[in-house]
Amino acid sequence: MKLGHIPSQHTVREAVAASLQSGASLRQIASRLGFSTRSLQRHLAASGTCHSAIVAEVRLATACRLLTETDEKVSRIALLLGYTGPTSFSRSFMRLMKIQPASYRRQRRK
């Protein structure tokens, strides 16, 4: 990426999605896009968002897709999304969606 080129939120989301399993840290994403962490933070703030919000959005969208479209175990999905384990994934999913991952899967597959 050329210096001075401002990454779109879509580009940042793609970089986050590609890095979920390894944690998708701000440093990783900034490096992948050719920015310093501070520059990326400024660009995201200027567009009304932040790294952690994008990571949460990408994780949730990916979790919903994997729960609906695959038979992956919840523990495997948690690892694919970069959570430390299925408990932290389930807590996060429950907080955002107000339903347990397994229940979400059952409802969406009916």
N, C-alpha and C. Protein backbone atom coordinates (compact mmCIF):
# COMPACT_ATOMS: atom_id res chain seq x y z
N MET A 1 0.84 -1.17 0.00
CA MET A 1 0.00 0.00 0.00
C MET A 1 0.89 1.24 0.00
N LYS A 2 0.56 2.22 -0.76
CA LYS A 2 1.38 3.42 -0.89
C LYS A 2 1.18 4.33 0.32
N LEU A 3 2.27 4.99 0.69
CA LEU A 3 2.21 5.96 1.77
C LEU A 3 1.20 7.04 1.44
N GLY A 4 0.40 7.43 2.39
CA GLY A 4 -0.57 8.47 2.15
C GLY A 4 -1.92 7.94 1.69
N HIS A 5 -1.98 6.67 1.30
CA HIS A 5 -3.25 6.07 0.87
C HIS A 5 -4.05 5.70 2.12
N ILE A 6 -5.24 6.21 2.22
CA ILE A 6 -6.08 5.95 3.38
C ILE A 6 -6.85 4.65 3.15
N PRO A 7 -6.72 3.69 4.07
CA PRO A 7 -7.44 2.43 3.88
C PRO A 7 -8.93 2.61 4.14
N SER A 8 -9.74 1.97 3.34
CA SER A 8 -11.18 2.01 3.56
C SER A 8 -11.51 1.06 4.72
N GLN A 9 -12.68 1.25 5.30
CA GLN A 9 -13.10 0.34 6.36
C GLN A 9 -13.22 -1.08 5.82
N HIS A 10 -13.61 -1.20 4.56
CA HIS A 10 -13.70 -2.52 3.92
C HIS A 10 -12.33 -3.19 3.89
N THR A 11 -11.30 -2.44 3.52
CA THR A 11 -9.94 -2.98 3.47
C THR A 11 -9.48 -3.41 4.85
N VAL A 12 -9.79 -2.60 5.84
CA VAL A 12 -9.41 -2.93 7.22
C VAL A 12 -10.16 -4.18 7.66
N ARG A 13 -11.44 -4.28 7.33
CA ARG A 13 -12.22 -5.48 7.70
C ARG A 13 -11.64 -6.74 7.06
N GLU A 14 -11.22 -6.63 5.80
CA GLU A 14 -10.60 -7.78 5.13
C GLU A 14 -9.32 -8.19 5.83
N ALA A 15 -8.51 -7.22 6.22
CA ALA A 15 -7.26 -7.51 6.93
C ALA A 15 -7.55 -8.15 8.29
N VAL A 16 -8.56 -7.67 8.97
CA VAL A 16 -8.95 -8.24 10.26
C VAL A 16 -9.42 -9.68 10.05
N ALA A 17 -10.28 -9.91 9.07
CA ALA A 17 -10.79 -11.26 8.80
C ALA A 17 -9.65 -12.23 8.52
N ALA A 18 -8.64 -11.78 7.79
CA ALA A 18 -7.51 -12.64 7.45
C ALA A 18 -6.61 -12.90 8.66
N SER A 19 -6.74 -12.09 9.69
CA SER A 19 -5.86 -12.21 10.85
C SER A 19 -6.57 -12.67 12.12
N LEU A 20 -7.83 -13.01 12.04
CA LEU A 20 -8.59 -13.36 13.24
C LEU A 20 -7.95 -14.46 14.06
N GLN A 21 -7.56 -15.52 13.41
CA GLN A 21 -7.05 -16.67 14.15
C GLN A 21 -5.78 -16.34 14.92
N SER A 22 -5.00 -15.39 14.41
CA SER A 22 -3.76 -15.02 15.11
C SER A 22 -3.95 -13.81 16.01
N GLY A 23 -5.19 -13.38 16.20
CA GLY A 23 -5.47 -12.32 17.15
C GLY A 23 -5.94 -11.01 16.58
N ALA A 24 -5.58 -10.69 15.35
CA ALA A 24 -6.02 -9.45 14.69
C ALA A 24 -5.70 -8.21 15.52
N SER A 25 -4.50 -8.18 16.07
CA SER A 25 -4.11 -7.03 16.88
C SER A 25 -3.97 -5.79 16.00
N LEU A 26 -4.05 -4.65 16.62
CA LEU A 26 -3.90 -3.39 15.91
C LEU A 26 -2.55 -3.35 15.21
N ARG A 27 -1.52 -3.81 15.88
CA ARG A 27 -0.17 -3.82 15.29
C ARG A 27 -0.13 -4.71 14.05
N GLN A 28 -0.73 -5.89 14.12
CA GLN A 28 -0.77 -6.80 12.97
C GLN A 28 -1.50 -6.17 11.78
N ILE A 29 -2.64 -5.58 12.05
CA ILE A 29 -3.45 -5.01 10.98
C ILE A 29 -2.73 -3.82 10.36
N ALA A 30 -2.19 -2.95 11.19
CA ALA A 30 -1.46 -1.78 10.69
C ALA A 30 -0.29 -2.22 9.82
N SER A 31 0.45 -3.20 10.27
CA SER A 31 1.60 -3.70 9.52
C SER A 31 1.16 -4.30 8.19
N ARG A 32 0.09 -5.08 8.22
CA ARG A 32 -0.44 -5.71 6.99
C ARG A 32 -0.84 -4.65 5.96
N LEU A 33 -1.33 -3.51 6.45
CA LEU A 33 -1.79 -2.45 5.56
C LEU A 33 -0.71 -1.41 5.25
N GLY A 34 0.45 -1.55 5.88
CA GLY A 34 1.54 -0.62 5.62
C GLY A 34 1.44 0.70 6.35
N PHE A 35 0.86 0.68 7.54
CA PHE A 35 0.70 1.88 8.35
C PHE A 35 1.32 1.67 9.72
N SER A 36 1.60 2.77 10.39
CA SER A 36 1.95 2.68 11.81
C SER A 36 0.63 2.48 12.56
N THR A 37 0.71 1.98 13.76
CA THR A 37 -0.52 1.77 14.53
C THR A 37 -1.25 3.09 14.75
N ARG A 38 -0.49 4.13 15.06
CA ARG A 38 -1.10 5.44 15.32
C ARG A 38 -1.78 6.00 14.07
N SER A 39 -1.15 5.86 12.92
CA SER A 39 -1.76 6.35 11.67
C SER A 39 -3.06 5.61 11.39
N LEU A 40 -3.05 4.30 11.57
CA LEU A 40 -4.28 3.53 11.34
C LEU A 40 -5.37 3.97 12.31
N GLN A 41 -5.02 4.15 13.57
CA GLN A 41 -5.99 4.62 14.56
C GLN A 41 -6.59 5.96 14.13
N ARG A 42 -5.75 6.87 13.67
CA ARG A 42 -6.25 8.19 13.23
C ARG A 42 -7.20 8.05 12.04
N HIS A 43 -6.82 7.23 11.06
CA HIS A 43 -7.68 7.04 9.88
C HIS A 43 -9.02 6.44 10.26
N LEU A 44 -8.99 5.46 11.15
CA LEU A 44 -10.24 4.83 11.58
C LEU A 44 -11.10 5.82 12.37
N ALA A 45 -10.49 6.59 13.24
CA ALA A 45 -11.22 7.59 14.03
C ALA A 45 -11.86 8.62 13.11
N ALA A 46 -11.15 9.02 12.08
CA ALA A 46 -11.68 10.00 11.13
C ALA A 46 -12.90 9.46 10.39
N SER A 47 -12.96 8.13 10.24
CA SER A 47 -14.12 7.54 9.57
C SER A 47 -15.18 7.07 10.57
N GLY A 48 -14.99 7.44 11.85
CA GLY A 48 -16.02 7.17 12.85
C GLY A 48 -16.00 5.79 13.48
N THR A 49 -14.87 5.14 13.46
CA THR A 49 -14.80 3.81 14.07
C THR A 49 -13.43 3.61 14.72
N CYS A 50 -13.19 2.42 15.21
CA CYS A 50 -11.90 2.08 15.81
C CYS A 50 -11.61 0.61 15.54
N HIS A 51 -10.37 0.23 15.78
CA HIS A 51 -9.92 -1.14 15.54
C HIS A 51 -10.78 -2.16 16.29
N SER A 52 -11.00 -1.92 17.57
CA SER A 52 -11.74 -2.91 18.37
C SER A 52 -13.18 -3.07 17.87
N ALA A 53 -13.80 -2.00 17.41
CA ALA A 53 -15.16 -2.10 16.88
C ALA A 53 -15.18 -2.93 15.60
N ILE A 54 -14.19 -2.73 14.75
CA ILE A 54 -14.13 -3.51 13.50
C ILE A 54 -13.87 -4.98 13.81
N VAL A 55 -12.97 -5.26 14.75
CA VAL A 55 -12.70 -6.66 15.12
C VAL A 55 -13.99 -7.29 15.64
N ALA A 56 -14.72 -6.60 16.49
CA ALA A 56 -15.97 -7.14 17.04
C ALA A 56 -16.99 -7.41 15.92
N GLU A 57 -17.11 -6.48 14.97
CA GLU A 57 -18.05 -6.66 13.85
C GLU A 57 -17.68 -7.87 13.00
N VAL A 58 -16.39 -7.97 12.67
CA VAL A 58 -15.93 -9.07 11.82
C VAL A 58 -16.09 -10.39 12.54
N ARG A 59 -15.74 -10.43 13.82
CA ARG A 59 -15.90 -11.67 14.59
C ARG A 59 -17.36 -12.11 14.62
N LEU A 60 -18.26 -11.17 14.89
CA LEU A 60 -19.67 -11.52 14.99
C LEU A 60 -20.22 -11.99 13.66
N ALA A 61 -19.91 -11.28 12.60
CA ALA A 61 -20.40 -11.68 11.27
C ALA A 61 -19.87 -13.05 10.88
N THR A 62 -18.60 -13.28 11.17
CA THR A 62 -17.98 -14.58 10.84
C THR A 62 -18.58 -15.68 11.70
N ALA A 63 -18.79 -15.40 12.98
CA ALA A 63 -19.40 -16.39 13.88
C ALA A 63 -20.79 -16.77 13.38
N CYS A 64 -21.59 -15.79 13.04
CA CYS A 64 -22.96 -16.07 12.55
C CYS A 64 -22.92 -16.92 11.29
N ARG A 65 -22.01 -16.57 10.38
CA ARG A 65 -21.90 -17.33 9.14
C ARG A 65 -21.45 -18.76 9.42
N LEU A 66 -20.44 -18.94 10.26
CA LEU A 66 -19.95 -20.29 10.56
C LEU A 66 -20.98 -21.13 11.30
N LEU A 67 -21.71 -20.51 12.20
CA LEU A 67 -22.75 -21.25 12.94
C LEU A 67 -23.89 -21.67 12.02
N THR A 68 -24.20 -20.85 11.06
CA THR A 68 -25.31 -21.13 10.16
C THR A 68 -24.93 -22.05 9.01
N GLU A 69 -23.75 -21.85 8.46
CA GLU A 69 -23.38 -22.54 7.22
C GLU A 69 -22.47 -23.75 7.38
N THR A 70 -21.95 -23.99 8.59
CA THR A 70 -21.05 -25.12 8.77
C THR A 70 -21.48 -25.97 9.96
N ASP A 71 -20.85 -27.11 10.09
CA ASP A 71 -21.07 -27.97 11.25
C ASP A 71 -19.90 -27.92 12.22
N GLU A 72 -19.05 -26.89 12.07
CA GLU A 72 -17.90 -26.74 12.98
C GLU A 72 -18.39 -26.68 14.42
N LYS A 73 -17.64 -27.30 15.31
CA LYS A 73 -17.97 -27.23 16.73
C LYS A 73 -17.76 -25.80 17.22
N VAL A 74 -18.51 -25.44 18.25
CA VAL A 74 -18.38 -24.10 18.82
C VAL A 74 -16.95 -23.86 19.30
N SER A 75 -16.32 -24.88 19.84
CA SER A 75 -14.93 -24.73 20.30
C SER A 75 -13.99 -24.42 19.15
N ARG A 76 -14.21 -25.02 18.01
CA ARG A 76 -13.38 -24.75 16.82
C ARG A 76 -13.65 -23.34 16.28
N ILE A 77 -14.90 -22.94 16.27
CA ILE A 77 -15.25 -21.59 15.82
C ILE A 77 -14.57 -20.56 16.72
N ALA A 78 -14.58 -20.81 18.02
CA ALA A 78 -13.92 -19.89 18.97
C ALA A 78 -12.45 -19.72 18.61
N LEU A 79 -11.77 -20.81 18.30
CA LEU A 79 -10.36 -20.73 17.93
C LEU A 79 -10.16 -20.01 16.60
N LEU A 80 -11.02 -20.29 15.64
CA LEU A 80 -10.93 -19.63 14.33
C LEU A 80 -11.11 -18.12 14.44
N LEU A 81 -11.88 -17.70 15.43
CA LEU A 81 -12.15 -16.27 15.61
C LEU A 81 -11.14 -15.59 16.53
N GLY A 82 -10.20 -16.36 17.05
CA GLY A 82 -9.16 -15.76 17.89
C GLY A 82 -9.50 -15.63 19.36
N TYR A 83 -10.57 -16.28 19.80
CA TYR A 83 -10.90 -16.27 21.22
C TYR A 83 -10.00 -17.25 21.95
N THR A 84 -9.82 -17.03 23.25
CA THR A 84 -8.96 -17.92 24.03
C THR A 84 -9.60 -19.28 24.25
N GLY A 85 -10.92 -19.35 24.12
CA GLY A 85 -11.60 -20.62 24.28
C GLY A 85 -13.09 -20.47 24.03
N PRO A 86 -13.81 -21.58 24.07
CA PRO A 86 -15.24 -21.54 23.78
C PRO A 86 -16.05 -20.74 24.81
N THR A 87 -15.58 -20.68 26.04
CA THR A 87 -16.32 -19.93 27.06
C THR A 87 -16.29 -18.44 26.76
N SER A 88 -15.13 -17.91 26.42
CA SER A 88 -15.05 -16.48 26.13
C SER A 88 -15.83 -16.16 24.85
N PHE A 89 -15.79 -17.06 23.87
CA PHE A 89 -16.58 -16.86 22.65
C PHE A 89 -18.07 -16.85 22.98
N SER A 90 -18.52 -17.83 23.73
CA SER A 90 -19.94 -17.93 24.07
C SER A 90 -20.42 -16.71 24.85
N ARG A 91 -19.61 -16.25 25.80
CA ARG A 91 -19.97 -15.06 26.58
C ARG A 91 -20.11 -13.84 25.67
N SER A 92 -19.15 -13.67 24.78
CA SER A 92 -19.16 -12.53 23.87
C SER A 92 -20.37 -12.61 22.92
N PHE A 93 -20.61 -13.78 22.36
CA PHE A 93 -21.74 -13.98 21.45
C PHE A 93 -23.05 -13.71 22.17
N MET A 94 -23.17 -14.21 23.38
CA MET A 94 -24.38 -14.04 24.18
C MET A 94 -24.60 -12.56 24.49
N ARG A 95 -23.55 -11.83 24.80
CA ARG A 95 -23.65 -10.41 25.12
C ARG A 95 -24.15 -9.62 23.91
N LEU A 96 -23.65 -9.97 22.73
CA LEU A 96 -24.00 -9.23 21.52
C LEU A 96 -25.33 -9.67 20.90
N MET A 97 -25.59 -10.96 20.92
CA MET A 97 -26.76 -11.49 20.23
C MET A 97 -27.93 -11.87 21.15
N LYS A 98 -27.67 -11.89 22.44
CA LYS A 98 -28.70 -12.25 23.44
C LYS A 98 -29.20 -13.67 23.27
N ILE A 99 -28.32 -14.54 22.75
CA ILE A 99 -28.65 -15.95 22.56
C ILE A 99 -27.34 -16.74 22.53
N GLN A 100 -27.39 -17.97 23.03
CA GLN A 100 -26.20 -18.82 23.01
C GLN A 100 -25.89 -19.26 21.57
N PRO A 101 -24.61 -19.47 21.24
CA PRO A 101 -24.25 -19.88 19.88
C PRO A 101 -24.99 -21.13 19.40
N ALA A 102 -25.09 -22.14 20.25
CA ALA A 102 -25.76 -23.38 19.84
C ALA A 102 -27.25 -23.14 19.57
N SER A 103 -27.89 -22.30 20.37
CA SER A 103 -29.30 -21.97 20.15
C SER A 103 -29.47 -21.17 18.87
N TYR A 104 -28.56 -20.25 18.61
CA TYR A 104 -28.58 -19.46 17.38
C TYR A 104 -28.51 -20.40 16.18
N ARG A 105 -27.60 -21.36 16.24
CA ARG A 105 -27.44 -22.33 15.15
C ARG A 105 -28.74 -23.09 14.92
N ARG A 106 -29.33 -23.59 15.98
CA ARG A 106 -30.58 -24.36 15.86
C ARG A 106 -31.69 -23.52 15.25
N GLN A 107 -31.83 -22.28 15.70
CA GLN A 107 -32.89 -21.40 15.18
C GLN A 107 -32.70 -21.09 13.71
N ARG A 108 -31.48 -20.85 13.29
CA ARG A 108 -31.19 -20.47 11.91
C ARG A 108 -31.29 -21.62 10.94
N ARG A 109 -31.23 -22.83 11.44
CA ARG A 109 -31.26 -24.00 10.55
C ARG A 109 -32.64 -24.59 10.38
N LYS A 110 -33.62 -24.03 11.06
CA LYS A 110 -34.99 -24.57 10.95
C LYS A 110 -35.59 -24.24 9.62
